[in-house]
Amino acid sequence: MIPPHQDAGQAFPIYITVVAGLLFLALAYLAVGQAAVNRSSAQTAADAAALAAAQKTRDQLADMWVDVVSDPTKWLAVFHGDGADSFCWRADQLAAQNDAVVRDCSPDVLAYSVEVRTNKKVGNSVVPGTEDDQSTAHARAVIEPLCEFTPPGEAAPDDALPPLTCHGKVWDVKPDDPSGLPKPNDLFDVYLAD
């Protein structure tokens, strides 16, 4: 008579090893997911901060244009961004609303580059040393002038204001009728670059 094989129970250690490996992989994916969510939050904060600063500058430039609307010799300077203030404080506000802090805000003539860091840390994970990591992100917002005009004296009498063409729409500028003047988003476009 042949003795029975002693195979019973040999699959159990393999099963435990496979389950432990799968559990570790699940925890690793969870850690990667936590980091991705934190990184996404940082990018959202950076985008919002850069756009907020750029929109504030756009609004200021539009107000500056309205102030000099009766003198078209000054229009070009406004459309080039001359005399605009820095609105990095607005970037700070929007970053804070998105649970982040601005690490760097660099205003350019018609653009803002902003880098933010999240306040929230990655937290506990199976990846050692990442618990206290915070995500950073960078965004750049651009202010693009949308209008063209013929300088005074070239196509109209010196006392007439030249028509302003903004993104295909022609505005007959009348300083005594502010309600008929283009709005900030007619004069400038603000968008994220990079």
N, C-alpha and C. Protein backbone atom coordinates (compact mmCIF):
# COMPACT_ATOMS: atom_id res chain seq x y z
N MET A 1 0.81 -1.16 0.00
CA MET A 1 0.00 0.00 0.00
C MET A 1 0.88 1.25 0.00
N ILE A 2 0.45 2.23 -0.81
CA ILE A 2 1.23 3.46 -0.94
C ILE A 2 0.74 4.45 0.10
N PRO A 3 1.67 5.05 0.87
CA PRO A 3 1.25 6.03 1.88
C PRO A 3 0.67 7.29 1.22
N PRO A 4 -0.34 7.90 1.81
CA PRO A 4 -0.93 9.12 1.25
C PRO A 4 0.08 10.27 1.27
N HIS A 5 -0.05 11.15 0.26
CA HIS A 5 0.86 12.31 0.19
C HIS A 5 0.50 13.32 1.28
N GLN A 6 1.48 13.98 1.77
CA GLN A 6 1.27 14.99 2.82
C GLN A 6 1.22 16.40 2.20
N ASP A 7 0.35 16.61 1.19
CA ASP A 7 0.24 17.91 0.51
C ASP A 7 -0.70 18.87 1.22
N ALA A 8 -1.51 18.37 2.07
CA ALA A 8 -2.52 19.20 2.70
C ALA A 8 -1.87 20.38 3.43
N GLY A 9 -2.35 21.62 3.16
CA GLY A 9 -1.86 22.79 3.86
C GLY A 9 -0.68 23.48 3.22
N GLN A 10 -0.13 22.94 2.14
CA GLN A 10 1.04 23.57 1.51
C GLN A 10 0.65 24.82 0.73
N ALA A 11 -0.58 24.92 0.30
CA ALA A 11 -1.02 26.10 -0.46
C ALA A 11 -1.30 27.29 0.47
N PHE A 12 -1.54 27.03 1.74
CA PHE A 12 -1.88 28.10 2.67
C PHE A 12 -0.77 29.16 2.80
N PRO A 13 0.51 28.78 2.96
CA PRO A 13 1.55 29.81 3.04
C PRO A 13 1.66 30.64 1.75
N ILE A 14 1.44 30.01 0.60
CA ILE A 14 1.48 30.74 -0.67
C ILE A 14 0.31 31.74 -0.72
N TYR A 15 -0.86 31.28 -0.28
CA TYR A 15 -2.04 32.13 -0.24
C TYR A 15 -1.80 33.35 0.66
N ILE A 16 -1.22 33.13 1.83
CA ILE A 16 -0.93 34.23 2.76
C ILE A 16 0.06 35.20 2.14
N THR A 17 1.07 34.70 1.47
CA THR A 17 2.08 35.55 0.84
C THR A 17 1.45 36.40 -0.27
N VAL A 18 0.60 35.79 -1.09
CA VAL A 18 -0.05 36.51 -2.18
C VAL A 18 -0.99 37.59 -1.61
N VAL A 19 -1.78 37.26 -0.60
CA VAL A 19 -2.69 38.22 0.00
C VAL A 19 -1.91 39.37 0.63
N ALA A 20 -0.81 39.07 1.31
CA ALA A 20 0.00 40.12 1.92
C ALA A 20 0.59 41.03 0.84
N GLY A 21 1.04 40.45 -0.25
CA GLY A 21 1.57 41.24 -1.36
C GLY A 21 0.51 42.15 -1.97
N LEU A 22 -0.68 41.62 -2.17
CA LEU A 22 -1.77 42.42 -2.72
C LEU A 22 -2.18 43.54 -1.76
N LEU A 23 -2.18 43.23 -0.47
CA LEU A 23 -2.51 44.25 0.52
C LEU A 23 -1.48 45.37 0.51
N PHE A 24 -0.19 45.01 0.40
CA PHE A 24 0.86 46.02 0.34
C PHE A 24 0.69 46.88 -0.93
N LEU A 25 0.39 46.25 -2.07
CA LEU A 25 0.18 47.00 -3.30
C LEU A 25 -1.01 47.96 -3.17
N ALA A 26 -2.07 47.51 -2.52
CA ALA A 26 -3.24 48.37 -2.32
C ALA A 26 -2.87 49.58 -1.47
N LEU A 27 -2.08 49.34 -0.42
CA LEU A 27 -1.65 50.46 0.43
C LEU A 27 -0.72 51.40 -0.33
N ALA A 28 0.13 50.84 -1.18
CA ALA A 28 1.03 51.68 -1.98
C ALA A 28 0.22 52.54 -2.95
N TYR A 29 -0.79 51.94 -3.59
CA TYR A 29 -1.65 52.72 -4.49
C TYR A 29 -2.40 53.80 -3.72
N LEU A 30 -2.80 53.51 -2.51
CA LEU A 30 -3.47 54.50 -1.67
C LEU A 30 -2.52 55.66 -1.38
N ALA A 31 -1.26 55.36 -1.08
CA ALA A 31 -0.28 56.41 -0.81
C ALA A 31 -0.06 57.27 -2.05
N VAL A 32 0.01 56.62 -3.21
CA VAL A 32 0.18 57.37 -4.46
C VAL A 32 -1.07 58.24 -4.70
N GLY A 33 -2.23 57.69 -4.40
CA GLY A 33 -3.47 58.45 -4.54
C GLY A 33 -3.51 59.66 -3.63
N GLN A 34 -3.06 59.49 -2.37
CA GLN A 34 -3.01 60.62 -1.44
C GLN A 34 -2.10 61.71 -1.99
N ALA A 35 -0.94 61.31 -2.49
CA ALA A 35 0.00 62.29 -3.04
C ALA A 35 -0.59 62.98 -4.27
N ALA A 36 -1.30 62.23 -5.11
CA ALA A 36 -1.89 62.81 -6.32
C ALA A 36 -2.98 63.83 -5.96
N VAL A 37 -3.78 63.50 -4.97
CA VAL A 37 -4.83 64.44 -4.53
C VAL A 37 -4.20 65.70 -3.97
N ASN A 38 -3.15 65.55 -3.18
CA ASN A 38 -2.47 66.72 -2.61
C ASN A 38 -1.83 67.56 -3.72
N ARG A 39 -1.25 66.91 -4.70
CA ARG A 39 -0.63 67.62 -5.83
C ARG A 39 -1.70 68.34 -6.64
N SER A 40 -2.84 67.71 -6.83
CA SER A 40 -3.93 68.33 -7.56
C SER A 40 -4.44 69.57 -6.81
N SER A 41 -4.52 69.49 -5.50
CA SER A 41 -4.92 70.64 -4.70
C SER A 41 -3.93 71.79 -4.85
N ALA A 42 -2.65 71.46 -4.90
CA ALA A 42 -1.62 72.48 -5.06
C ALA A 42 -1.75 73.16 -6.43
N GLN A 43 -2.02 72.37 -7.47
CA GLN A 43 -2.16 72.95 -8.81
C GLN A 43 -3.39 73.83 -8.91
N THR A 44 -4.47 73.40 -8.28
CA THR A 44 -5.68 74.22 -8.25
C THR A 44 -5.41 75.56 -7.57
N ALA A 45 -4.71 75.51 -6.45
CA ALA A 45 -4.38 76.74 -5.71
C ALA A 45 -3.48 77.65 -6.54
N ALA A 46 -2.49 77.08 -7.22
CA ALA A 46 -1.58 77.88 -8.04
C ALA A 46 -2.33 78.53 -9.20
N ASP A 47 -3.18 77.76 -9.88
CA ASP A 47 -3.95 78.30 -11.00
C ASP A 47 -4.85 79.45 -10.53
N ALA A 48 -5.56 79.22 -9.43
CA ALA A 48 -6.47 80.25 -8.92
C ALA A 48 -5.71 81.50 -8.51
N ALA A 49 -4.56 81.34 -7.87
CA ALA A 49 -3.77 82.48 -7.41
C ALA A 49 -3.26 83.31 -8.59
N ALA A 50 -2.70 82.64 -9.59
CA ALA A 50 -2.16 83.36 -10.76
C ALA A 50 -3.28 84.07 -11.52
N LEU A 51 -4.40 83.39 -11.71
CA LEU A 51 -5.53 84.01 -12.42
C LEU A 51 -6.10 85.20 -11.65
N ALA A 52 -6.19 85.08 -10.34
CA ALA A 52 -6.74 86.18 -9.54
C ALA A 52 -5.88 87.43 -9.65
N ALA A 53 -4.57 87.27 -9.56
CA ALA A 53 -3.67 88.42 -9.68
C ALA A 53 -3.76 89.03 -11.08
N ALA A 54 -3.80 88.18 -12.10
CA ALA A 54 -3.87 88.68 -13.48
C ALA A 54 -5.21 89.38 -13.74
N GLN A 55 -6.29 88.84 -13.22
CA GLN A 55 -7.60 89.48 -13.42
C GLN A 55 -7.67 90.83 -12.73
N LYS A 56 -7.05 90.93 -11.57
CA LYS A 56 -7.03 92.21 -10.86
C LYS A 56 -6.23 93.24 -11.68
N THR A 57 -5.13 92.82 -12.27
CA THR A 57 -4.34 93.71 -13.12
C THR A 57 -5.15 94.11 -14.35
N ARG A 58 -5.85 93.13 -14.96
CA ARG A 58 -6.70 93.43 -16.12
C ARG A 58 -7.73 94.51 -15.77
N ASP A 59 -8.36 94.37 -14.61
CA ASP A 59 -9.36 95.34 -14.19
C ASP A 59 -8.74 96.73 -13.99
N GLN A 60 -7.54 96.75 -13.41
CA GLN A 60 -6.87 98.03 -13.21
C GLN A 60 -6.52 98.67 -14.56
N LEU A 61 -6.02 97.88 -15.50
CA LEU A 61 -5.68 98.42 -16.82
C LEU A 61 -6.92 98.94 -17.54
N ALA A 62 -8.03 98.24 -17.39
CA ALA A 62 -9.28 98.70 -18.01
C ALA A 62 -9.71 100.04 -17.41
N ASP A 63 -9.58 100.17 -16.09
CA ASP A 63 -9.90 101.45 -15.44
C ASP A 63 -8.96 102.56 -15.91
N MET A 64 -7.68 102.21 -16.08
CA MET A 64 -6.71 103.19 -16.56
C MET A 64 -7.08 103.64 -17.98
N TRP A 65 -7.53 102.70 -18.81
CA TRP A 65 -7.91 103.04 -20.18
C TRP A 65 -9.12 103.99 -20.16
N VAL A 66 -10.09 103.71 -19.30
CA VAL A 66 -11.27 104.58 -19.21
C VAL A 66 -10.84 105.98 -18.77
N ASP A 67 -9.86 106.07 -17.88
CA ASP A 67 -9.39 107.38 -17.41
C ASP A 67 -8.75 108.21 -18.52
N VAL A 68 -8.12 107.54 -19.50
CA VAL A 68 -7.43 108.26 -20.59
C VAL A 68 -8.15 108.10 -21.92
N VAL A 69 -9.40 107.66 -21.89
CA VAL A 69 -10.11 107.34 -23.13
C VAL A 69 -10.19 108.53 -24.07
N SER A 70 -10.23 109.73 -23.55
CA SER A 70 -10.33 110.91 -24.42
C SER A 70 -8.98 111.31 -25.02
N ASP A 71 -7.90 110.64 -24.61
CA ASP A 71 -6.56 110.92 -25.15
C ASP A 71 -5.97 109.63 -25.74
N PRO A 72 -6.26 109.34 -27.01
CA PRO A 72 -5.80 108.08 -27.61
C PRO A 72 -4.28 107.94 -27.72
N THR A 73 -3.55 109.04 -27.49
CA THR A 73 -2.10 108.91 -27.51
C THR A 73 -1.60 108.10 -26.31
N LYS A 74 -2.46 107.93 -25.29
CA LYS A 74 -2.08 107.17 -24.09
C LYS A 74 -2.61 105.74 -24.11
N TRP A 75 -3.42 105.39 -25.09
CA TRP A 75 -4.02 104.06 -25.13
C TRP A 75 -2.98 102.95 -25.24
N LEU A 76 -2.00 103.17 -26.12
CA LEU A 76 -1.01 102.11 -26.36
C LEU A 76 -0.25 101.75 -25.08
N ALA A 77 0.08 102.75 -24.28
CA ALA A 77 0.79 102.47 -23.01
C ALA A 77 -0.06 101.59 -22.11
N VAL A 78 -1.36 101.84 -22.06
CA VAL A 78 -2.25 101.02 -21.23
C VAL A 78 -2.26 99.59 -21.76
N PHE A 79 -2.39 99.42 -23.08
CA PHE A 79 -2.44 98.07 -23.65
C PHE A 79 -1.11 97.32 -23.53
N HIS A 80 -0.04 98.06 -23.27
CA HIS A 80 1.26 97.42 -23.00
C HIS A 80 1.46 97.13 -21.52
N GLY A 81 0.52 97.57 -20.68
CA GLY A 81 0.59 97.29 -19.25
C GLY A 81 1.39 98.30 -18.46
N ASP A 82 1.74 99.42 -19.08
CA ASP A 82 2.53 100.44 -18.38
C ASP A 82 1.76 101.01 -17.19
N GLY A 83 2.43 101.11 -16.06
CA GLY A 83 1.84 101.73 -14.88
C GLY A 83 0.97 100.83 -14.03
N ALA A 84 0.86 99.56 -14.40
CA ALA A 84 0.02 98.64 -13.60
C ALA A 84 0.75 98.27 -12.31
N ASP A 85 -0.03 98.12 -11.25
CA ASP A 85 0.52 97.72 -9.95
C ASP A 85 0.67 96.20 -9.90
N SER A 86 1.42 95.74 -8.92
CA SER A 86 1.52 94.30 -8.67
C SER A 86 0.37 93.89 -7.75
N PHE A 87 -0.29 92.81 -8.11
CA PHE A 87 -1.40 92.32 -7.31
C PHE A 87 -1.10 90.94 -6.74
N CYS A 88 0.15 90.74 -6.30
CA CYS A 88 0.50 89.46 -5.67
C CYS A 88 -0.29 89.24 -4.38
N TRP A 89 -0.72 90.31 -3.74
CA TRP A 89 -1.55 90.15 -2.53
C TRP A 89 -2.84 89.41 -2.87
N ARG A 90 -3.35 89.59 -4.08
CA ARG A 90 -4.56 88.88 -4.50
C ARG A 90 -4.26 87.40 -4.70
N ALA A 91 -3.07 87.10 -5.18
CA ALA A 91 -2.64 85.70 -5.32
C ALA A 91 -2.56 85.05 -3.93
N ASP A 92 -2.05 85.79 -2.95
CA ASP A 92 -1.98 85.28 -1.58
C ASP A 92 -3.38 84.94 -1.06
N GLN A 93 -4.34 85.81 -1.33
CA GLN A 93 -5.71 85.58 -0.86
C GLN A 93 -6.30 84.30 -1.45
N LEU A 94 -6.15 84.13 -2.76
CA LEU A 94 -6.74 82.95 -3.40
C LEU A 94 -6.03 81.67 -3.02
N ALA A 95 -4.73 81.75 -2.82
CA ALA A 95 -4.00 80.56 -2.35
C ALA A 95 -4.50 80.15 -0.97
N ALA A 96 -4.68 81.14 -0.09
CA ALA A 96 -5.17 80.85 1.26
C ALA A 96 -6.57 80.24 1.22
N GLN A 97 -7.42 80.70 0.32
CA GLN A 97 -8.76 80.14 0.19
C GLN A 97 -8.72 78.69 -0.28
N ASN A 98 -7.62 78.30 -0.91
CA ASN A 98 -7.44 76.92 -1.38
C ASN A 98 -6.48 76.14 -0.49
N ASP A 99 -6.34 76.57 0.77
CA ASP A 99 -5.52 75.89 1.78
C ASP A 99 -4.07 75.71 1.33
N ALA A 100 -3.50 76.82 0.82
CA ALA A 100 -2.11 76.82 0.37
C ALA A 100 -1.50 78.18 0.68
N VAL A 101 -0.21 78.27 0.47
CA VAL A 101 0.50 79.52 0.70
C VAL A 101 1.39 79.80 -0.53
N VAL A 102 1.47 81.07 -0.92
CA VAL A 102 2.29 81.46 -2.06
C VAL A 102 3.75 81.47 -1.62
N ARG A 103 4.57 80.71 -2.31
CA ARG A 103 6.01 80.71 -2.04
C ARG A 103 6.72 81.76 -2.89
N ASP A 104 6.18 82.00 -4.10
CA ASP A 104 6.79 82.99 -4.98
C ASP A 104 5.72 83.55 -5.92
N CYS A 105 5.72 84.85 -6.07
CA CYS A 105 4.83 85.52 -7.02
C CYS A 105 5.69 86.50 -7.80
N SER A 106 5.78 86.26 -9.10
CA SER A 106 6.62 87.11 -9.95
C SER A 106 5.77 87.79 -11.00
N PRO A 107 5.44 89.07 -10.78
CA PRO A 107 4.69 89.78 -11.80
C PRO A 107 5.60 90.19 -12.95
N ASP A 108 5.14 89.97 -14.16
CA ASP A 108 5.84 90.44 -15.35
C ASP A 108 4.97 91.57 -15.91
N VAL A 109 5.32 92.12 -17.04
CA VAL A 109 4.55 93.24 -17.56
C VAL A 109 3.08 92.85 -17.73
N LEU A 110 2.79 91.78 -18.41
CA LEU A 110 1.41 91.33 -18.61
C LEU A 110 1.27 89.85 -18.26
N ALA A 111 1.86 89.46 -17.14
CA ALA A 111 1.77 88.06 -16.71
C ALA A 111 2.15 87.94 -15.24
N TYR A 112 1.72 86.82 -14.65
CA TYR A 112 2.09 86.49 -13.28
C TYR A 112 2.52 85.04 -13.24
N SER A 113 3.67 84.78 -12.61
CA SER A 113 4.10 83.42 -12.33
C SER A 113 4.00 83.22 -10.82
N VAL A 114 3.30 82.16 -10.43
CA VAL A 114 3.03 81.92 -9.01
C VAL A 114 3.40 80.48 -8.66
N GLU A 115 4.07 80.33 -7.53
CA GLU A 115 4.36 78.99 -6.99
C GLU A 115 3.73 78.91 -5.61
N VAL A 116 3.01 77.83 -5.37
CA VAL A 116 2.35 77.65 -4.08
C VAL A 116 2.76 76.32 -3.45
N ARG A 117 2.54 76.25 -2.14
CA ARG A 117 2.75 75.01 -1.37
C ARG A 117 1.48 74.76 -0.56
N THR A 118 1.03 73.54 -0.56
CA THR A 118 -0.18 73.21 0.21
C THR A 118 0.13 73.26 1.69
N ASN A 119 -0.87 73.61 2.49
CA ASN A 119 -0.73 73.56 3.94
C ASN A 119 -0.88 72.13 4.43
N LYS A 120 -1.68 71.36 3.70
CA LYS A 120 -1.95 69.98 4.09
C LYS A 120 -0.76 69.09 3.71
N LYS A 121 -0.42 68.20 4.63
CA LYS A 121 0.68 67.26 4.38
C LYS A 121 0.11 65.97 3.80
N VAL A 122 0.97 65.18 3.21
CA VAL A 122 0.54 63.92 2.59
C VAL A 122 -0.09 63.01 3.64
N GLY A 123 0.48 62.96 4.84
CA GLY A 123 -0.08 62.15 5.91
C GLY A 123 0.50 60.75 5.94
N ASN A 124 -0.07 59.92 6.81
CA ASN A 124 0.44 58.56 6.99
C ASN A 124 0.35 57.77 5.70
N SER A 125 1.42 57.06 5.39
CA SER A 125 1.42 56.19 4.22
C SER A 125 2.45 55.09 4.43
N VAL A 126 2.43 54.13 3.51
CA VAL A 126 3.39 53.02 3.61
C VAL A 126 4.75 53.42 3.08
N VAL A 127 4.85 54.59 2.47
CA VAL A 127 6.13 55.07 1.96
C VAL A 127 6.80 55.87 3.07
N PRO A 128 7.89 55.35 3.63
CA PRO A 128 8.53 56.02 4.76
C PRO A 128 9.07 57.40 4.39
N GLY A 129 8.94 58.33 5.32
CA GLY A 129 9.51 59.66 5.14
C GLY A 129 8.65 60.63 4.35
N THR A 130 7.45 60.22 3.93
CA THR A 130 6.61 61.12 3.14
C THR A 130 5.49 61.76 3.95
N GLU A 131 5.38 61.39 5.21
CA GLU A 131 4.26 61.86 6.03
C GLU A 131 4.18 63.38 6.10
N ASP A 132 5.33 64.06 6.17
CA ASP A 132 5.35 65.51 6.34
C ASP A 132 5.54 66.27 5.02
N ASP A 133 5.55 65.56 3.90
CA ASP A 133 5.72 66.22 2.60
C ASP A 133 4.50 67.06 2.26
N GLN A 134 4.76 68.21 1.65
CA GLN A 134 3.70 69.09 1.17
C GLN A 134 3.90 69.27 -0.34
N SER A 135 2.83 69.35 -1.06
CA SER A 135 2.92 69.48 -2.51
C SER A 135 3.13 70.93 -2.91
N THR A 136 3.86 71.13 -3.99
CA THR A 136 4.04 72.45 -4.57
C THR A 136 3.58 72.41 -6.03
N ALA A 137 3.22 73.56 -6.53
CA ALA A 137 2.80 73.67 -7.93
C ALA A 137 3.09 75.07 -8.43
N HIS A 138 3.18 75.19 -9.74
CA HIS A 138 3.50 76.46 -10.39
C HIS A 138 2.43 76.74 -11.45
N ALA A 139 2.08 78.01 -11.60
CA ALA A 139 1.14 78.42 -12.65
C ALA A 139 1.56 79.78 -13.19
N ARG A 140 1.24 80.00 -14.44
CA ARG A 140 1.52 81.29 -15.07
C ARG A 140 0.24 81.77 -15.76
N ALA A 141 -0.19 82.97 -15.41
CA ALA A 141 -1.37 83.58 -16.03
C ALA A 141 -0.92 84.76 -16.88
N VAL A 142 -1.49 84.86 -18.06
CA VAL A 142 -1.12 85.89 -19.03
C VAL A 142 -2.30 86.83 -19.26
N ILE A 143 -2.00 88.11 -19.39
CA ILE A 143 -2.99 89.13 -19.72
C ILE A 143 -2.72 89.54 -21.17
N GLU A 144 -3.64 89.22 -22.04
CA GLU A 144 -3.43 89.51 -23.47
C GLU A 144 -4.35 90.64 -23.93
N PRO A 145 -3.77 91.74 -24.44
CA PRO A 145 -4.60 92.81 -25.00
C PRO A 145 -5.34 92.29 -26.24
N LEU A 146 -6.61 92.64 -26.36
CA LEU A 146 -7.43 92.15 -27.46
C LEU A 146 -7.75 93.24 -28.49
N CYS A 147 -7.24 94.44 -28.28
CA CYS A 147 -7.68 95.57 -29.10
C CYS A 147 -6.58 96.13 -29.99
N GLU A 148 -7.05 96.69 -31.11
CA GLU A 148 -6.18 97.38 -32.05
C GLU A 148 -6.84 98.70 -32.41
N PHE A 149 -6.03 99.67 -32.76
CA PHE A 149 -6.56 100.97 -33.20
C PHE A 149 -5.50 101.67 -34.02
N THR A 150 -5.95 102.60 -34.81
CA THR A 150 -5.03 103.41 -35.61
C THR A 150 -4.66 104.62 -34.78
N PRO A 151 -3.36 104.87 -34.62
CA PRO A 151 -2.94 106.02 -33.81
C PRO A 151 -3.56 107.32 -34.32
N PRO A 152 -3.78 108.25 -33.42
CA PRO A 152 -4.43 109.52 -33.78
C PRO A 152 -3.67 110.25 -34.90
N GLY A 153 -4.45 110.89 -35.78
CA GLY A 153 -3.86 111.68 -36.85
C GLY A 153 -3.59 110.89 -38.11
N GLU A 154 -3.57 109.56 -38.04
CA GLU A 154 -3.26 108.77 -39.22
C GLU A 154 -4.51 108.46 -40.04
N ALA A 155 -5.64 108.25 -39.39
CA ALA A 155 -6.84 107.87 -40.14
C ALA A 155 -8.05 108.72 -39.78
N ALA A 156 -7.89 109.62 -38.83
CA ALA A 156 -9.03 110.42 -38.41
C ALA A 156 -8.53 111.82 -38.08
N PRO A 157 -9.40 112.79 -38.10
CA PRO A 157 -8.99 114.14 -37.69
C PRO A 157 -8.46 114.10 -36.26
N ASP A 158 -7.61 115.05 -35.94
CA ASP A 158 -6.97 115.07 -34.62
C ASP A 158 -7.97 115.13 -33.46
N ASP A 159 -9.13 115.71 -33.69
CA ASP A 159 -10.09 115.83 -32.59
C ASP A 159 -11.03 114.62 -32.48
N ALA A 160 -10.98 113.70 -33.44
CA ALA A 160 -11.85 112.51 -33.40
C ALA A 160 -11.09 111.33 -32.79
N LEU A 161 -11.81 110.52 -32.02
CA LEU A 161 -11.19 109.33 -31.43
C LEU A 161 -11.23 108.20 -32.45
N PRO A 162 -10.13 107.47 -32.56
CA PRO A 162 -10.12 106.36 -33.52
C PRO A 162 -11.03 105.22 -33.03
N PRO A 163 -11.61 104.48 -33.97
CA PRO A 163 -12.39 103.31 -33.54
C PRO A 163 -11.46 102.27 -32.92
N LEU A 164 -11.99 101.55 -31.97
CA LEU A 164 -11.22 100.53 -31.27
C LEU A 164 -11.78 99.16 -31.68
N THR A 165 -10.92 98.32 -32.23
CA THR A 165 -11.35 96.98 -32.65
C THR A 165 -10.82 95.97 -31.64
N CYS A 166 -11.74 95.33 -30.93
CA CYS A 166 -11.37 94.37 -29.89
C CYS A 166 -11.94 93.00 -30.25
N HIS A 167 -11.03 92.11 -30.58
CA HIS A 167 -11.42 90.73 -30.88
C HIS A 167 -12.50 90.66 -31.95
N GLY A 168 -12.34 91.49 -32.99
CA GLY A 168 -13.27 91.50 -34.11
C GLY A 168 -14.44 92.44 -33.99
N LYS A 169 -14.68 92.98 -32.81
CA LYS A 169 -15.80 93.92 -32.62
C LYS A 169 -15.27 95.34 -32.65
N VAL A 170 -15.93 96.20 -33.43
CA VAL A 170 -15.51 97.59 -33.55
C VAL A 170 -16.33 98.44 -32.58
N TRP A 171 -15.60 99.20 -31.75
CA TRP A 171 -16.23 100.09 -30.77
C TRP A 171 -16.04 101.53 -31.24
N ASP A 172 -17.12 102.25 -31.33
CA ASP A 172 -17.07 103.68 -31.62
C ASP A 172 -16.98 104.37 -30.25
N VAL A 173 -15.78 104.73 -29.87
CA VAL A 173 -15.51 105.22 -28.51
C VAL A 173 -16.09 106.60 -28.30
N LYS A 174 -16.93 106.70 -27.27
CA LYS A 174 -17.53 107.98 -26.89
C LYS A 174 -17.29 108.19 -25.40
N PRO A 175 -16.32 109.03 -25.04
CA PRO A 175 -15.98 109.25 -23.62
C PRO A 175 -17.14 109.75 -22.78
N ASP A 176 -18.09 110.47 -23.39
CA ASP A 176 -19.21 111.00 -22.61
C ASP A 176 -20.30 109.96 -22.36
N ASP A 177 -20.10 108.73 -22.89
CA ASP A 177 -21.07 107.64 -22.68
C ASP A 177 -20.34 106.41 -22.14
N PRO A 178 -20.00 106.40 -20.83
CA PRO A 178 -19.24 105.29 -20.26
C PRO A 178 -19.94 103.94 -20.39
N SER A 179 -21.27 103.93 -20.46
CA SER A 179 -21.98 102.64 -20.57
C SER A 179 -21.71 101.97 -21.92
N GLY A 180 -21.30 102.75 -22.91
CA GLY A 180 -21.02 102.18 -24.23
C GLY A 180 -19.57 101.80 -24.45
N LEU A 181 -18.76 101.94 -23.41
CA LEU A 181 -17.33 101.59 -23.54
C LEU A 181 -17.13 100.09 -23.32
N PRO A 182 -16.07 99.54 -23.90
CA PRO A 182 -15.80 98.11 -23.69
C PRO A 182 -15.52 97.81 -22.22
N LYS A 183 -15.88 96.61 -21.80
CA LYS A 183 -15.63 96.13 -20.44
C LYS A 183 -14.22 95.54 -20.37
N PRO A 184 -13.72 95.29 -19.14
CA PRO A 184 -12.37 94.74 -19.01
C PRO A 184 -12.13 93.46 -19.83
N ASN A 185 -13.14 92.56 -19.86
CA ASN A 185 -12.94 91.32 -20.61
C ASN A 185 -13.07 91.53 -22.12
N ASP A 186 -13.55 92.71 -22.57
CA ASP A 186 -13.52 93.06 -23.98
C ASP A 186 -12.13 93.56 -24.37
N LEU A 187 -11.47 94.23 -23.43
CA LEU A 187 -10.16 94.83 -23.71
C LEU A 187 -9.00 93.84 -23.55
N PHE A 188 -9.12 92.93 -22.58
CA PHE A 188 -8.01 92.02 -22.28
C PHE A 188 -8.56 90.60 -22.03
N ASP A 189 -7.79 89.62 -22.45
CA ASP A 189 -8.09 88.23 -22.12
C ASP A 189 -7.10 87.79 -21.05
N VAL A 190 -7.57 86.98 -20.12
CA VAL A 190 -6.70 86.44 -19.08
C VAL A 190 -6.81 84.92 -19.15
N TYR A 191 -5.67 84.25 -19.24
CA TYR A 191 -5.67 82.79 -19.35
C TYR A 191 -4.40 82.20 -18.75
N LEU A 192 -4.46 80.91 -18.48
CA LEU A 192 -3.30 80.20 -17.97
C LEU A 192 -2.40 79.78 -19.13
N ALA A 193 -1.11 79.95 -18.95
CA ALA A 193 -0.14 79.52 -19.94
C ALA A 193 0.69 78.38 -19.33
N ASP A 194 1.45 77.71 -20.15
CA ASP A 194 2.33 76.57 -19.76
C ASP A 194 1.55 75.30 -19.75
